[in-house]
C-alpha cells in the first residue's frame, strides 16, 4: 500500500516527514553525492511546499522505504526554475492538469523483488492519484538510461521533450512527459502484478488504524 499526504495532514502519519527526508538523504546525498540542502541527516529543498503531495511506502515498523513527490506546475517547480532549456518540444507547462514528479527513491537495502514491487506500486499510485484528481500528465527529468529503468520497463511509456543535456553532476538529464490513462495504469498493473486501488490518503490511513 502507498500512502500519500501533504504538509497539512502529515501529522496523521506520525514521523513520516522526518523518515521520508532521512531516506532522501541516504539516496541523494550519501549514495549519489548530490549537492542539495540537508540538515541532521535529512535532505530537503525549496519544492517541499504546502502544494506538494508526497507518496511513501513504509515497512512494518513505519519507516519510509520509498518516496516520491509531485507538485502542480502552476506553482514554482524544479524544471522551470533550474533547467527550463531541457524542454524543447513544448511550452513549459503551467496547468492544474500537469504536475511535476520529483525525488523518486526506493531504499537500496530492500530485496530485489521487494524493490521492484514497491517501485511498481509507486507508479500505480501516481496514475491512480492523477485519474482521481484531473491530472492528465506528469513532467520530470532523469538520466536517459534511468527513464528506461524507472518507467518504461514497468509499462509506462515516456514522451521525451528534448535531447539529453549535461548538468553539474557529471551526468546528462532528459525531460519526459508521463501521460496518464486507465490503459497505462492497467498495463503497469498487469506487467508488475499490482492490485487495484494501491493508494491510501493520510486520512484513510488513520481511520483504518483506528478501526483496527
N, C-alpha and C. Protein backbone atom coordinates (compact mmCIF):
# COMPACT_ATOMS: atom_id res chain seq x y z
N UNK A 1 0.83 -1.20 0.00
CA UNK A 1 0.00 0.00 0.00
C UNK A 1 0.88 1.26 0.00
N UNK A 2 0.52 2.22 -0.84
CA UNK A 2 1.21 3.51 -0.89
C UNK A 2 0.33 4.55 -0.21
N UNK A 3 0.91 5.29 0.73
CA UNK A 3 0.20 6.37 1.40
C UNK A 3 0.62 7.70 0.78
N UNK A 4 -0.31 8.63 0.75
CA UNK A 4 0.06 9.97 0.28
C UNK A 4 -0.44 11.02 1.25
N UNK A 5 0.30 12.14 1.29
CA UNK A 5 -0.01 13.19 2.25
C UNK A 5 0.56 14.52 1.76
N UNK A 6 0.09 15.58 2.36
CA UNK A 6 0.66 16.91 2.17
C UNK A 6 1.10 17.41 3.55
N UNK A 7 1.70 18.58 3.60
CA UNK A 7 2.12 19.11 4.89
C UNK A 7 0.94 19.39 5.81
N UNK A 8 -0.25 19.53 5.23
CA UNK A 8 -1.42 19.84 6.05
C UNK A 8 -1.93 18.64 6.84
N UNK A 9 -1.63 17.42 6.39
CA UNK A 9 -2.15 16.26 7.11
C UNK A 9 -1.09 15.22 7.45
N UNK A 10 0.18 15.56 7.25
CA UNK A 10 1.26 14.61 7.54
C UNK A 10 1.28 14.19 9.01
N UNK A 11 0.79 15.04 9.91
CA UNK A 11 0.79 14.72 11.33
C UNK A 11 0.00 13.44 11.63
N UNK A 12 -0.90 13.09 10.75
CA UNK A 12 -1.69 11.87 10.97
C UNK A 12 -0.85 10.61 10.82
N UNK A 13 0.31 10.74 10.20
CA UNK A 13 1.17 9.57 9.95
C UNK A 13 2.42 9.59 10.82
N UNK A 14 2.36 10.22 11.96
CA UNK A 14 3.48 10.20 12.91
C UNK A 14 4.69 10.93 12.37
N UNK A 15 5.85 10.26 12.39
CA UNK A 15 7.10 10.90 11.97
C UNK A 15 7.39 10.68 10.50
N UNK A 16 6.35 10.56 9.68
CA UNK A 16 6.54 10.24 8.27
C UNK A 16 7.41 11.27 7.55
N UNK A 17 7.30 12.54 7.91
CA UNK A 17 8.09 13.57 7.22
C UNK A 17 9.58 13.38 7.47
N UNK A 18 9.98 13.26 8.74
CA UNK A 18 11.40 13.09 9.04
C UNK A 18 11.92 11.78 8.47
N UNK A 19 11.12 10.73 8.53
CA UNK A 19 11.54 9.44 7.98
C UNK A 19 11.75 9.53 6.47
N UNK A 20 10.86 10.24 5.78
CA UNK A 20 10.99 10.42 4.34
C UNK A 20 12.25 11.22 4.00
N UNK A 21 12.49 12.29 4.74
CA UNK A 21 13.66 13.11 4.44
C UNK A 21 14.96 12.39 4.78
N UNK A 22 14.94 11.49 5.76
CA UNK A 22 16.13 10.69 6.04
C UNK A 22 16.42 9.73 4.89
N UNK A 23 15.37 9.11 4.34
CA UNK A 23 15.57 8.25 3.17
C UNK A 23 16.13 9.05 2.01
N UNK A 24 15.59 10.21 1.76
CA UNK A 24 16.10 11.04 0.66
C UNK A 24 17.55 11.43 0.88
N UNK A 25 17.95 11.66 2.11
CA UNK A 25 19.36 11.96 2.41
C UNK A 25 20.24 10.77 2.05
N UNK A 26 19.81 9.58 2.44
CA UNK A 26 20.58 8.36 2.12
C UNK A 26 20.74 8.19 0.62
N UNK A 27 19.66 8.46 -0.12
CA UNK A 27 19.67 8.24 -1.56
C UNK A 27 20.42 9.33 -2.31
N UNK A 28 20.06 10.58 -2.07
CA UNK A 28 20.55 11.66 -2.92
C UNK A 28 21.86 12.29 -2.43
N UNK A 29 22.11 12.27 -1.14
CA UNK A 29 23.34 12.86 -0.61
C UNK A 29 24.41 11.80 -0.41
N UNK A 30 24.09 10.74 0.35
CA UNK A 30 25.11 9.72 0.64
C UNK A 30 25.43 8.85 -0.57
N UNK A 31 24.41 8.37 -1.27
CA UNK A 31 24.66 7.43 -2.36
C UNK A 31 25.04 8.13 -3.66
N UNK A 32 24.29 9.18 -4.03
CA UNK A 32 24.52 9.84 -5.32
C UNK A 32 25.42 11.06 -5.23
N UNK A 33 25.64 11.58 -4.02
CA UNK A 33 26.55 12.70 -3.84
C UNK A 33 26.04 14.03 -4.33
N UNK A 34 24.72 14.21 -4.37
CA UNK A 34 24.16 15.47 -4.84
C UNK A 34 24.44 16.59 -3.83
N UNK A 35 24.75 17.76 -4.35
CA UNK A 35 24.97 18.94 -3.52
C UNK A 35 23.63 19.65 -3.34
N UNK A 36 22.84 19.15 -2.42
CA UNK A 36 21.49 19.68 -2.16
C UNK A 36 21.36 19.99 -0.68
N UNK A 37 20.39 20.83 -0.31
CA UNK A 37 20.25 21.20 1.10
C UNK A 37 20.00 19.98 1.99
N UNK A 38 20.62 19.98 3.14
CA UNK A 38 20.38 18.92 4.11
C UNK A 38 20.64 19.44 5.52
N UNK A 39 20.05 18.76 6.49
CA UNK A 39 20.24 19.12 7.89
C UNK A 39 19.94 17.90 8.74
N UNK A 40 20.82 17.59 9.67
CA UNK A 40 20.61 16.49 10.61
C UNK A 40 20.29 15.19 9.88
N UNK A 41 21.05 14.91 8.82
CA UNK A 41 20.90 13.70 8.01
C UNK A 41 19.52 13.61 7.34
N UNK A 42 18.97 14.76 6.96
CA UNK A 42 17.72 14.81 6.21
C UNK A 42 17.91 15.73 5.02
N UNK A 43 17.46 15.30 3.85
CA UNK A 43 17.54 16.10 2.63
C UNK A 43 16.21 16.80 2.38
N UNK A 44 16.27 18.05 1.93
CA UNK A 44 15.07 18.82 1.61
C UNK A 44 15.42 19.85 0.56
N UNK A 45 14.42 20.47 -0.02
CA UNK A 45 14.68 21.58 -0.93
C UNK A 45 13.49 22.53 -0.93
N UNK A 46 13.57 23.56 -1.79
CA UNK A 46 12.56 24.61 -1.79
C UNK A 46 11.23 24.18 -2.38
N UNK A 47 11.18 22.95 -2.92
CA UNK A 47 9.94 22.47 -3.53
C UNK A 47 9.14 21.56 -2.61
N UNK A 48 9.61 21.41 -1.38
CA UNK A 48 8.82 20.72 -0.36
C UNK A 48 7.84 21.73 0.25
N UNK A 49 6.84 22.09 -0.52
CA UNK A 49 5.95 23.19 -0.17
C UNK A 49 4.59 22.69 0.29
N UNK A 50 3.74 23.61 0.65
CA UNK A 50 2.37 23.28 1.03
C UNK A 50 1.59 22.68 -0.13
N UNK A 51 2.00 22.99 -1.36
CA UNK A 51 1.29 22.50 -2.54
C UNK A 51 1.72 21.09 -2.95
N UNK A 52 2.83 20.62 -2.42
CA UNK A 52 3.36 19.32 -2.83
C UNK A 52 2.57 18.17 -2.20
N UNK A 53 2.47 17.08 -2.96
CA UNK A 53 1.91 15.83 -2.46
C UNK A 53 3.03 14.80 -2.44
N UNK A 54 3.15 14.09 -1.32
CA UNK A 54 4.19 13.09 -1.16
C UNK A 54 3.58 11.69 -1.10
N UNK A 55 4.22 10.76 -1.79
CA UNK A 55 3.81 9.35 -1.76
C UNK A 55 4.91 8.56 -1.04
N UNK A 56 4.52 7.68 -0.14
CA UNK A 56 5.52 6.89 0.59
C UNK A 56 5.07 5.44 0.73
N UNK A 57 6.04 4.57 0.82
CA UNK A 57 5.80 3.18 1.23
C UNK A 57 6.57 2.96 2.51
N UNK A 58 5.88 2.47 3.54
CA UNK A 58 6.51 2.26 4.85
C UNK A 58 6.55 0.78 5.17
N UNK A 59 7.61 0.36 5.84
CA UNK A 59 7.71 -1.03 6.25
C UNK A 59 6.87 -1.28 7.51
N UNK A 60 6.92 -2.47 8.04
CA UNK A 60 6.08 -2.83 9.18
C UNK A 60 6.39 -2.03 10.43
N UNK A 61 7.58 -1.43 10.47
CA UNK A 61 7.96 -0.60 11.61
C UNK A 61 7.58 0.86 11.41
N UNK A 62 6.98 1.18 10.27
CA UNK A 62 6.57 2.55 9.99
C UNK A 62 7.66 3.40 9.38
N UNK A 63 8.80 2.78 9.01
CA UNK A 63 9.91 3.53 8.41
C UNK A 63 9.68 3.68 6.91
N UNK A 64 9.86 4.89 6.40
CA UNK A 64 9.69 5.14 4.97
C UNK A 64 10.83 4.49 4.21
N UNK A 65 10.49 3.60 3.27
CA UNK A 65 11.50 2.90 2.48
C UNK A 65 11.41 3.28 1.00
N UNK A 66 10.42 4.08 0.63
CA UNK A 66 10.30 4.57 -0.74
C UNK A 66 9.47 5.84 -0.72
N UNK A 67 9.79 6.76 -1.60
CA UNK A 67 9.02 8.01 -1.64
C UNK A 67 9.10 8.67 -3.01
N UNK A 68 8.19 9.60 -3.22
CA UNK A 68 8.11 10.34 -4.48
C UNK A 68 7.28 11.60 -4.21
N UNK A 69 7.61 12.68 -4.90
CA UNK A 69 6.92 13.96 -4.68
C UNK A 69 6.35 14.47 -6.00
N UNK A 70 5.15 15.05 -5.94
CA UNK A 70 4.58 15.73 -7.10
C UNK A 70 4.16 17.13 -6.69
N UNK A 71 4.24 18.05 -7.66
CA UNK A 71 3.87 19.45 -7.42
C UNK A 71 3.17 20.00 -8.66
N UNK A 72 2.17 20.85 -8.47
CA UNK A 72 1.49 21.43 -9.64
C UNK A 72 2.39 22.41 -10.37
N UNK A 73 2.29 22.43 -11.68
CA UNK A 73 3.13 23.35 -12.46
C UNK A 73 2.58 24.77 -12.46
N UNK A 74 1.50 25.00 -11.73
CA UNK A 74 1.02 26.36 -11.52
C UNK A 74 1.80 27.06 -10.41
N UNK A 75 2.60 26.29 -9.69
CA UNK A 75 3.49 26.82 -8.65
C UNK A 75 4.93 26.73 -9.15
N UNK A 76 5.88 27.38 -8.46
CA UNK A 76 7.28 27.20 -8.86
C UNK A 76 7.65 25.72 -8.86
N UNK A 77 8.36 25.27 -9.90
CA UNK A 77 8.77 23.87 -9.94
C UNK A 77 10.17 23.76 -10.51
N UNK A 78 10.80 22.62 -10.25
CA UNK A 78 12.23 22.46 -10.46
C UNK A 78 12.67 22.68 -11.90
N UNK A 79 12.01 22.01 -12.84
CA UNK A 79 12.44 22.13 -14.23
C UNK A 79 12.37 23.57 -14.71
N UNK A 80 11.27 24.23 -14.42
CA UNK A 80 11.09 25.61 -14.88
C UNK A 80 12.12 26.54 -14.27
N UNK A 81 12.43 26.35 -12.98
CA UNK A 81 13.33 27.26 -12.28
C UNK A 81 14.80 26.99 -12.58
N UNK A 82 15.18 25.73 -12.76
CA UNK A 82 16.61 25.37 -12.83
C UNK A 82 17.05 24.93 -14.21
N UNK A 83 16.25 24.11 -14.89
CA UNK A 83 16.66 23.56 -16.18
C UNK A 83 15.57 23.74 -17.24
N UNK A 84 15.07 24.94 -17.47
CA UNK A 84 13.98 25.12 -18.45
C UNK A 84 14.40 24.76 -19.87
N UNK A 85 15.69 24.83 -20.17
CA UNK A 85 16.17 24.58 -21.53
C UNK A 85 16.07 23.11 -21.94
N UNK A 86 15.83 22.20 -20.98
CA UNK A 86 15.73 20.78 -21.36
C UNK A 86 14.39 20.46 -22.01
N UNK A 87 13.41 21.36 -21.88
CA UNK A 87 12.10 21.16 -22.51
C UNK A 87 12.11 21.90 -23.84
N UNK A 88 12.23 21.16 -24.91
CA UNK A 88 12.42 21.75 -26.24
C UNK A 88 11.23 21.56 -27.16
N UNK A 89 10.37 20.61 -26.89
CA UNK A 89 9.30 20.25 -27.83
C UNK A 89 7.92 20.74 -27.42
N UNK A 90 7.83 21.52 -26.36
CA UNK A 90 6.56 22.07 -25.92
C UNK A 90 6.84 23.26 -25.02
N UNK A 91 5.82 24.07 -24.78
CA UNK A 91 5.94 25.17 -23.84
C UNK A 91 6.04 24.59 -22.42
N UNK A 92 6.80 25.25 -21.58
CA UNK A 92 6.84 24.82 -20.19
C UNK A 92 5.43 24.88 -19.61
N UNK A 93 4.96 23.78 -19.05
CA UNK A 93 3.57 23.76 -18.57
C UNK A 93 3.35 24.65 -17.36
N UNK A 94 2.16 25.20 -17.29
CA UNK A 94 1.68 25.95 -16.13
C UNK A 94 0.19 25.68 -16.04
N UNK A 95 -0.14 24.45 -15.63
CA UNK A 95 -1.51 23.98 -15.69
C UNK A 95 -1.84 23.10 -14.50
N UNK A 96 -3.06 23.18 -14.02
CA UNK A 96 -3.51 22.30 -12.94
C UNK A 96 -3.56 20.84 -13.38
N UNK A 97 -3.56 20.62 -14.69
CA UNK A 97 -3.65 19.24 -15.19
C UNK A 97 -2.28 18.62 -15.46
N UNK A 98 -1.21 19.39 -15.29
CA UNK A 98 0.16 18.87 -15.47
C UNK A 98 0.95 19.14 -14.20
N UNK A 99 1.47 18.08 -13.60
CA UNK A 99 2.25 18.20 -12.36
C UNK A 99 3.66 17.69 -12.61
N UNK A 100 4.60 18.18 -11.81
CA UNK A 100 5.98 17.70 -11.89
C UNK A 100 6.20 16.59 -10.86
N UNK A 101 6.86 15.52 -11.29
CA UNK A 101 7.21 14.41 -10.40
C UNK A 101 8.71 14.45 -10.14
N UNK A 102 9.09 14.42 -8.87
CA UNK A 102 10.50 14.51 -8.48
C UNK A 102 10.77 13.64 -7.27
N UNK A 103 12.06 13.50 -6.97
CA UNK A 103 12.55 12.83 -5.75
C UNK A 103 12.04 11.38 -5.61
N UNK A 104 12.02 10.66 -6.73
CA UNK A 104 11.67 9.24 -6.67
C UNK A 104 12.85 8.46 -6.09
N UNK A 105 12.60 7.73 -5.03
CA UNK A 105 13.67 6.88 -4.48
C UNK A 105 13.07 5.68 -3.77
N UNK A 106 13.75 4.54 -3.89
CA UNK A 106 13.38 3.30 -3.22
C UNK A 106 14.63 2.80 -2.51
N UNK A 107 14.49 2.46 -1.25
CA UNK A 107 15.61 2.03 -0.42
C UNK A 107 16.38 0.88 -1.08
N UNK A 108 17.67 1.07 -1.26
CA UNK A 108 18.50 0.06 -1.91
C UNK A 108 18.70 -1.18 -1.04
N UNK A 109 18.37 -1.08 0.24
CA UNK A 109 18.54 -2.23 1.13
C UNK A 109 17.38 -3.22 1.03
N UNK A 110 16.31 -2.85 0.34
CA UNK A 110 15.23 -3.80 0.12
C UNK A 110 15.71 -4.92 -0.81
N UNK A 111 15.13 -6.10 -0.67
CA UNK A 111 15.47 -7.18 -1.58
C UNK A 111 15.11 -6.78 -3.01
N UNK A 112 15.70 -7.45 -3.99
CA UNK A 112 15.44 -7.11 -5.38
C UNK A 112 13.96 -7.21 -5.71
N UNK A 113 13.32 -8.30 -5.30
CA UNK A 113 11.90 -8.48 -5.59
C UNK A 113 11.04 -7.42 -4.92
N UNK A 114 11.35 -7.12 -3.65
CA UNK A 114 10.58 -6.11 -2.93
C UNK A 114 10.81 -4.73 -3.53
N UNK A 115 12.05 -4.45 -3.90
CA UNK A 115 12.38 -3.16 -4.52
C UNK A 115 11.54 -2.95 -5.77
N UNK A 116 11.47 -3.96 -6.63
CA UNK A 116 10.70 -3.85 -7.87
C UNK A 116 9.21 -3.72 -7.59
N UNK A 117 8.72 -4.48 -6.60
CA UNK A 117 7.30 -4.42 -6.26
C UNK A 117 6.91 -3.04 -5.74
N UNK A 118 7.71 -2.50 -4.83
CA UNK A 118 7.40 -1.19 -4.26
C UNK A 118 7.49 -0.10 -5.33
N UNK A 119 8.49 -0.22 -6.21
CA UNK A 119 8.64 0.75 -7.29
C UNK A 119 7.39 0.75 -8.18
N UNK A 120 6.93 -0.44 -8.55
CA UNK A 120 5.73 -0.55 -9.39
C UNK A 120 4.52 0.02 -8.68
N UNK A 121 4.42 -0.20 -7.37
CA UNK A 121 3.30 0.36 -6.60
C UNK A 121 3.32 1.88 -6.63
N UNK A 122 4.50 2.48 -6.54
CA UNK A 122 4.60 3.94 -6.61
C UNK A 122 4.07 4.46 -7.94
N UNK A 123 4.44 3.78 -9.03
CA UNK A 123 3.98 4.22 -10.34
C UNK A 123 2.46 4.09 -10.46
N UNK A 124 1.91 2.99 -9.95
CA UNK A 124 0.46 2.84 -9.98
C UNK A 124 -0.22 3.91 -9.12
N UNK A 125 0.40 4.23 -7.99
CA UNK A 125 -0.15 5.27 -7.13
C UNK A 125 -0.20 6.61 -7.84
N UNK A 126 0.85 6.92 -8.61
CA UNK A 126 0.86 8.16 -9.39
C UNK A 126 -0.30 8.19 -10.37
N UNK A 127 -0.51 7.09 -11.07
CA UNK A 127 -1.60 7.02 -12.03
C UNK A 127 -2.96 7.12 -11.32
N UNK A 128 -3.15 6.37 -10.26
CA UNK A 128 -4.43 6.39 -9.55
C UNK A 128 -4.75 7.78 -9.02
N UNK A 129 -3.74 8.43 -8.42
CA UNK A 129 -3.97 9.77 -7.89
C UNK A 129 -4.35 10.74 -9.01
N UNK A 130 -3.64 10.65 -10.12
CA UNK A 130 -3.90 11.55 -11.25
C UNK A 130 -5.30 11.36 -11.80
N UNK A 131 -5.70 10.12 -11.97
CA UNK A 131 -7.03 9.84 -12.53
C UNK A 131 -8.14 10.32 -11.61
N UNK A 132 -7.88 10.39 -10.33
CA UNK A 132 -8.88 10.85 -9.37
C UNK A 132 -8.86 12.36 -9.16
N UNK A 133 -7.83 13.03 -9.70
CA UNK A 133 -7.66 14.46 -9.44
C UNK A 133 -7.47 15.29 -10.72
N UNK A 134 -7.94 14.77 -11.84
CA UNK A 134 -7.95 15.52 -13.11
C UNK A 134 -6.56 15.95 -13.54
N UNK A 135 -5.57 15.11 -13.27
CA UNK A 135 -4.20 15.34 -13.76
C UNK A 135 -4.02 14.51 -15.02
N UNK A 136 -3.66 15.15 -16.12
CA UNK A 136 -3.53 14.44 -17.40
C UNK A 136 -2.14 13.90 -17.65
N UNK A 137 -1.14 14.51 -17.02
CA UNK A 137 0.24 14.06 -17.23
C UNK A 137 1.16 14.63 -16.16
N UNK A 138 2.32 14.00 -16.05
CA UNK A 138 3.40 14.49 -15.20
C UNK A 138 4.58 14.85 -16.09
N UNK A 139 5.40 15.78 -15.62
CA UNK A 139 6.64 16.12 -16.29
C UNK A 139 7.78 15.83 -15.31
N UNK A 140 8.91 15.39 -15.85
CA UNK A 140 10.04 15.10 -14.98
C UNK A 140 11.34 15.06 -15.76
N UNK A 141 12.43 14.92 -15.03
CA UNK A 141 13.75 14.77 -15.65
C UNK A 141 14.45 13.58 -15.03
N UNK A 142 15.32 12.95 -15.80
CA UNK A 142 16.12 11.83 -15.33
C UNK A 142 17.23 11.58 -16.34
N UNK A 143 18.31 10.93 -15.92
CA UNK A 143 19.30 10.48 -16.91
C UNK A 143 18.64 9.57 -17.93
N UNK A 144 19.06 9.60 -19.19
CA UNK A 144 18.40 8.82 -20.23
C UNK A 144 18.21 7.35 -19.89
N UNK A 145 19.24 6.70 -19.36
CA UNK A 145 19.12 5.29 -19.01
C UNK A 145 18.15 5.04 -17.88
N UNK A 146 18.05 6.01 -16.98
CA UNK A 146 17.17 5.82 -15.82
C UNK A 146 15.70 5.83 -16.21
N UNK A 147 15.36 6.59 -17.26
CA UNK A 147 13.98 6.57 -17.74
C UNK A 147 13.56 5.14 -18.07
N UNK A 148 14.44 4.43 -18.75
CA UNK A 148 14.12 3.05 -19.13
C UNK A 148 13.94 2.18 -17.90
N UNK A 149 14.82 2.35 -16.92
CA UNK A 149 14.80 1.51 -15.73
C UNK A 149 13.63 1.82 -14.81
N UNK A 150 13.27 3.11 -14.70
CA UNK A 150 12.29 3.50 -13.69
C UNK A 150 10.86 3.64 -14.21
N UNK A 151 10.67 3.76 -15.52
CA UNK A 151 9.32 3.90 -16.06
C UNK A 151 9.03 2.92 -17.20
N UNK A 152 9.83 2.97 -18.24
CA UNK A 152 9.50 2.22 -19.46
C UNK A 152 9.43 0.72 -19.20
N UNK A 153 10.38 0.17 -18.47
CA UNK A 153 10.38 -1.28 -18.24
C UNK A 153 9.22 -1.72 -17.35
N UNK A 154 8.63 -0.76 -16.63
CA UNK A 154 7.48 -1.08 -15.78
C UNK A 154 6.16 -0.91 -16.51
N UNK A 155 6.21 -0.49 -17.79
CA UNK A 155 5.00 -0.40 -18.58
C UNK A 155 4.43 0.99 -18.77
N UNK A 156 5.21 2.02 -18.41
CA UNK A 156 4.75 3.40 -18.55
C UNK A 156 5.57 4.07 -19.65
N UNK A 157 5.02 4.27 -20.84
CA UNK A 157 5.77 4.90 -21.94
C UNK A 157 6.03 6.38 -21.65
N UNK A 158 7.13 6.86 -22.18
CA UNK A 158 7.54 8.24 -21.95
C UNK A 158 7.62 8.99 -23.27
N UNK A 159 7.11 10.21 -23.30
CA UNK A 159 7.27 11.10 -24.44
C UNK A 159 8.40 12.06 -24.10
N UNK A 160 9.53 11.92 -24.77
CA UNK A 160 10.67 12.78 -24.47
C UNK A 160 10.47 14.17 -25.05
N UNK A 161 10.88 15.18 -24.29
CA UNK A 161 10.60 16.57 -24.62
C UNK A 161 11.82 17.30 -25.16
N UNK A 162 12.88 16.58 -25.45
CA UNK A 162 14.09 17.21 -25.97
C UNK A 162 15.25 16.24 -25.88
N UNK A 163 16.42 16.73 -26.25
CA UNK A 163 17.62 15.90 -26.18
C UNK A 163 18.17 15.86 -24.76
N UNK A 164 19.13 14.98 -24.54
CA UNK A 164 19.80 14.91 -23.24
C UNK A 164 20.77 16.08 -23.09
N UNK A 165 20.84 16.63 -21.89
CA UNK A 165 21.70 17.78 -21.61
C UNK A 165 22.61 17.48 -20.43
N UNK A 166 23.84 17.89 -20.52
CA UNK A 166 24.80 17.72 -19.44
C UNK A 166 24.52 18.74 -18.34
N UNK A 167 24.56 18.27 -17.08
CA UNK A 167 24.40 19.18 -15.95
C UNK A 167 25.59 19.03 -15.02
N UNK A 168 25.53 19.69 -13.87
CA UNK A 168 26.69 19.80 -13.00
C UNK A 168 27.08 18.51 -12.30
N UNK A 169 26.22 17.51 -12.31
CA UNK A 169 26.53 16.27 -11.60
C UNK A 169 27.23 15.25 -12.49
N UNK A 170 27.90 15.69 -13.54
CA UNK A 170 28.66 14.82 -14.44
C UNK A 170 27.77 13.75 -15.09
N UNK A 171 26.52 14.08 -15.26
CA UNK A 171 25.61 13.18 -15.94
C UNK A 171 24.69 14.00 -16.83
N UNK A 172 24.02 13.33 -17.73
CA UNK A 172 23.06 14.01 -18.59
C UNK A 172 21.65 13.76 -18.06
N UNK A 173 20.77 14.73 -18.31
CA UNK A 173 19.37 14.57 -17.96
C UNK A 173 18.52 14.81 -19.20
N UNK A 174 17.34 14.19 -19.20
CA UNK A 174 16.42 14.36 -20.31
C UNK A 174 15.02 14.53 -19.76
N UNK A 175 14.30 15.51 -20.29
CA UNK A 175 12.94 15.77 -19.82
C UNK A 175 11.97 14.81 -20.50
N UNK A 176 10.99 14.37 -19.72
CA UNK A 176 10.00 13.47 -20.28
C UNK A 176 8.60 13.83 -19.79
N UNK A 177 7.62 13.52 -20.62
CA UNK A 177 6.22 13.70 -20.28
C UNK A 177 5.63 12.32 -20.02
N UNK A 178 5.02 12.16 -18.85
CA UNK A 178 4.44 10.88 -18.44
C UNK A 178 2.92 11.00 -18.48
N UNK A 179 2.33 10.52 -19.55
CA UNK A 179 0.88 10.65 -19.69
C UNK A 179 0.14 9.72 -18.75
N UNK A 180 -1.09 10.11 -18.45
CA UNK A 180 -1.93 9.36 -17.51
C UNK A 180 -3.14 8.82 -18.26
N UNK A 181 -3.46 7.56 -18.04
CA UNK A 181 -4.66 6.97 -18.64
C UNK A 181 -4.98 5.66 -17.94
N UNK A 182 -6.22 5.24 -18.05
CA UNK A 182 -6.62 3.96 -17.48
C UNK A 182 -5.84 2.81 -18.15
N UNK A 183 -5.60 2.93 -19.45
CA UNK A 183 -4.90 1.86 -20.15
C UNK A 183 -3.45 1.73 -19.70
N UNK A 184 -2.79 2.86 -19.45
CA UNK A 184 -1.41 2.80 -18.95
C UNK A 184 -1.40 2.19 -17.55
N UNK A 185 -2.33 2.61 -16.71
CA UNK A 185 -2.41 2.05 -15.36
C UNK A 185 -2.64 0.55 -15.42
N UNK A 186 -3.56 0.12 -16.26
CA UNK A 186 -3.83 -1.32 -16.40
C UNK A 186 -2.58 -2.07 -16.85
N UNK A 187 -1.82 -1.46 -17.75
CA UNK A 187 -0.61 -2.09 -18.25
C UNK A 187 0.44 -2.26 -17.15
N UNK A 188 0.62 -1.21 -16.34
CA UNK A 188 1.58 -1.29 -15.23
C UNK A 188 1.15 -2.36 -14.24
N UNK A 189 -0.15 -2.38 -13.92
CA UNK A 189 -0.66 -3.40 -13.00
C UNK A 189 -0.41 -4.80 -13.53
N UNK A 190 -0.70 -5.01 -14.82
CA UNK A 190 -0.58 -6.33 -15.42
C UNK A 190 0.87 -6.81 -15.44
N UNK A 191 1.77 -5.95 -15.91
CA UNK A 191 3.18 -6.32 -16.02
C UNK A 191 3.80 -6.62 -14.67
N UNK A 192 3.38 -5.88 -13.64
CA UNK A 192 4.05 -5.96 -12.34
C UNK A 192 3.21 -6.61 -11.24
N UNK A 193 2.05 -7.13 -11.62
CA UNK A 193 1.19 -7.83 -10.67
C UNK A 193 0.84 -6.96 -9.46
N UNK A 194 0.38 -5.75 -9.75
CA UNK A 194 -0.02 -4.81 -8.70
C UNK A 194 -1.54 -4.80 -8.59
N UNK A 195 -2.09 -4.93 -7.38
CA UNK A 195 -3.55 -4.94 -7.23
C UNK A 195 -4.16 -3.57 -7.49
N UNK A 196 -5.46 -3.54 -7.64
CA UNK A 196 -6.18 -2.29 -7.82
C UNK A 196 -6.16 -1.47 -6.53
N UNK A 197 -6.38 -0.17 -6.69
CA UNK A 197 -6.54 0.73 -5.54
C UNK A 197 -5.38 0.60 -4.56
N UNK A 198 -4.19 0.95 -5.05
CA UNK A 198 -2.97 0.78 -4.27
C UNK A 198 -2.71 1.95 -3.33
N UNK A 199 -3.42 3.07 -3.50
CA UNK A 199 -3.11 4.24 -2.68
C UNK A 199 -4.12 4.44 -1.55
N UNK A 200 -3.61 5.10 -0.51
CA UNK A 200 -4.45 5.43 0.64
C UNK A 200 -3.99 6.81 1.15
N UNK A 201 -4.94 7.71 1.36
CA UNK A 201 -4.58 9.04 1.86
C UNK A 201 -4.24 8.96 3.34
N UNK A 202 -3.62 10.01 3.85
CA UNK A 202 -3.30 10.06 5.28
C UNK A 202 -4.55 9.92 6.12
N UNK A 203 -5.65 10.52 5.68
CA UNK A 203 -6.90 10.41 6.42
C UNK A 203 -7.42 8.98 6.43
N UNK A 204 -7.30 8.29 5.30
CA UNK A 204 -7.73 6.89 5.24
C UNK A 204 -6.84 6.01 6.10
N UNK A 205 -5.55 6.30 6.13
CA UNK A 205 -4.62 5.51 6.93
C UNK A 205 -4.96 5.59 8.40
N UNK A 206 -5.21 6.79 8.90
CA UNK A 206 -5.51 6.93 10.33
C UNK A 206 -6.86 6.34 10.67
N UNK A 207 -7.84 6.44 9.77
CA UNK A 207 -9.15 5.86 10.03
C UNK A 207 -9.07 4.33 10.06
N UNK A 208 -8.28 3.76 9.15
CA UNK A 208 -8.10 2.31 9.13
C UNK A 208 -7.43 1.84 10.40
N UNK A 209 -6.44 2.59 10.86
CA UNK A 209 -5.73 2.22 12.09
C UNK A 209 -6.66 2.27 13.29
N UNK A 210 -7.53 3.30 13.34
CA UNK A 210 -8.45 3.42 14.46
C UNK A 210 -9.48 2.29 14.47
N UNK A 211 -9.94 1.88 13.28
CA UNK A 211 -10.90 0.79 13.20
C UNK A 211 -10.29 -0.51 13.66
N UNK A 212 -9.02 -0.73 13.24
CA UNK A 212 -8.33 -1.96 13.63
C UNK A 212 -8.10 -2.01 15.13
